[in-house]
Amino acid sequence: MTRMACGLYLACLSAHNWADTYHLLCEVAYMPTRSTWAREVALDVLDATPTRVVIDGVQAYSFAINGAQLLTAIDNERIALDLDALTWQSDFRDMAFGQGRCSAQTP
C-alpha cells in the first residue's frame, strides 16, 4: 500500500478508515549551535486523527492538535509540527531553538 504525500497532510489521512502509520523525516537546524539534526516522526492515525506520536523512537506521553498543528514535548524540547506546511519548530525552554522542513517518507 502506498503512502500519500501532499500539502494538506491531515486531509490526505482522512481517505483511510483504519489505523495506519505515517512517517516524516525532518531536517532541523538548531541555534545557537548551528547544528542540523535529522528527526524522525511517526504518526499513528485512525479516522484522520493522530492517536500516537513517536519522535526519534520515543513516544510522546501527550500531544495536542490545533488545526493543522501538532504540539508535543520530548524531554525539555517543546515541539510544534505544522502538518499542512510540513515544518518543524521547537525550543529548549528558550535556551535553544530549532526550525526545519519535513518530508513524508514511505516505510
Protein backbone atom coordinates (compact mmCIF):
# COMPACT_ATOMS: atom_id res chain seq x y z
CA MET A 1 0.00 0.00 0.00
CA THR A 2 1.46 3.37 -0.92
CA ARG A 3 1.51 6.37 1.36
CA MET A 4 0.15 9.68 0.12
CA ALA A 5 2.26 12.83 0.32
CA CYS A 6 0.51 16.13 -0.17
CA GLY A 7 0.38 19.65 1.23
CA LEU A 8 -2.75 19.10 3.29
CA TYR A 9 -1.38 16.14 5.19
CA LEU A 10 -4.33 15.62 7.52
CA ALA A 11 -6.79 15.89 4.62
CA CYS A 12 -4.99 13.07 2.87
CA LEU A 13 -5.20 10.96 6.00
CA SER A 14 -8.99 11.24 6.01
CA ALA A 15 -9.14 8.91 2.99
CA HIS A 16 -8.41 5.99 5.35
CA ASN A 17 -10.76 4.48 7.91
CA TRP A 18 -8.22 2.17 9.54
CA ALA A 19 -5.20 2.69 11.73
CA ASP A 20 -2.08 3.46 9.74
CA THR A 21 1.37 4.85 10.49
CA TYR A 22 2.78 7.80 8.58
CA HIS A 23 6.45 8.74 8.70
CA LEU A 24 8.08 12.15 8.40
CA LEU A 25 11.76 12.95 8.17
CA CYS A 26 12.53 16.45 9.43
CA GLU A 27 15.85 18.26 8.88
CA VAL A 28 16.05 20.67 11.82
CA ALA A 29 18.64 23.42 12.25
CA TYR A 30 19.30 24.28 15.90
CA MET A 31 20.50 27.68 17.08
CA PRO A 32 22.71 28.98 18.63
CA THR A 33 24.89 25.90 17.94
CA ARG A 34 24.19 25.97 14.17
CA SER A 35 23.90 22.20 14.05
CA THR A 36 21.48 20.25 11.85
CA TRP A 37 19.77 17.09 13.02
CA ALA A 38 17.58 14.60 11.16
CA ARG A 39 14.48 13.94 13.26
CA GLU A 40 12.17 11.01 12.55
CA VAL A 41 8.47 11.34 13.32
CA ALA A 42 5.90 8.52 13.21
CA LEU A 43 2.18 9.31 13.42
CA ASP A 44 -0.34 6.56 14.10
CA VAL A 45 -3.61 7.73 12.58
CA LEU A 46 -7.15 6.40 12.93
CA ASP A 47 -10.03 8.08 11.07
CA ALA A 48 -7.87 11.11 10.15
CA THR A 49 -6.96 11.67 13.82
CA PRO A 50 -3.44 11.09 15.15
CA THR A 51 -3.60 8.61 18.03
CA ARG A 52 0.12 8.21 18.78
CA VAL A 53 3.22 10.32 18.13
CA VAL A 54 6.76 8.89 18.20
CA ILE A 55 9.78 11.15 17.69
CA ASP A 56 13.20 9.55 17.25
CA GLY A 57 11.85 6.31 18.71
CA VAL A 58 10.46 7.99 21.86
CA GLN A 59 6.69 8.01 22.27
CA ALA A 60 5.23 11.36 23.32
CA TYR A 61 3.20 10.99 26.52
CA SER A 62 0.74 13.60 25.34
CA PHE A 63 0.10 15.82 22.36
CA ALA A 64 -2.48 18.33 21.18
CA ILE A 65 -3.92 19.13 17.78
CA ASN A 66 -4.73 22.76 16.95
CA GLY A 67 -5.92 22.92 13.35
CA ALA A 68 -3.01 21.57 11.31
CA GLN A 69 -0.53 21.98 14.18
CA LEU A 70 0.56 19.08 16.34
CA LEU A 71 2.04 20.22 19.66
CA THR A 72 4.05 17.96 21.96
CA ALA A 73 7.22 17.77 24.05
CA ILE A 74 10.03 15.26 24.39
CA ASP A 75 12.34 15.78 27.37
CA ASN A 76 12.92 19.56 27.55
CA GLU A 77 12.14 20.21 23.87
CA ARG A 78 8.74 21.74 23.06
CA ILE A 79 7.82 20.76 19.51
CA ALA A 80 5.28 22.19 17.03
CA LEU A 81 4.76 20.32 13.77
CA ASP A 82 2.71 22.01 11.05
CA LEU A 83 1.17 19.11 9.14
CA ASP A 84 -0.03 21.33 6.28
CA ALA A 85 3.26 23.10 5.60
CA LEU A 86 5.31 20.09 6.82
CA THR A 87 7.52 22.24 9.06
CA TRP A 88 9.11 21.76 12.49
CA GLN A 89 9.64 24.38 15.16
CA SER A 90 10.96 23.69 18.64
CA ASP A 91 12.68 25.25 21.61
CA PHE A 92 14.55 24.07 24.68
CA ARG A 93 12.95 26.28 27.33
CA ASP A 94 14.06 29.43 25.48
CA MET A 95 17.75 28.38 25.60
CA ALA A 96 17.99 27.00 22.04
CA PHE A 97 15.67 26.95 19.05
CA GLY A 98 15.09 24.57 16.15
CA GLN A 99 13.41 25.10 12.80
CA GLY A 100 13.21 22.94 9.71
CA ARG A 101 11.29 21.23 6.95
CA CYS A 102 9.80 17.77 6.91
CA SER A 103 9.12 15.33 4.11
CA ALA A 104 6.75 12.39 4.01
CA GLN A 105 8.57 9.05 3.92
CA THR A 106 7.49 5.61 2.82
CA PRO A 107 8.40 2.87 5.28
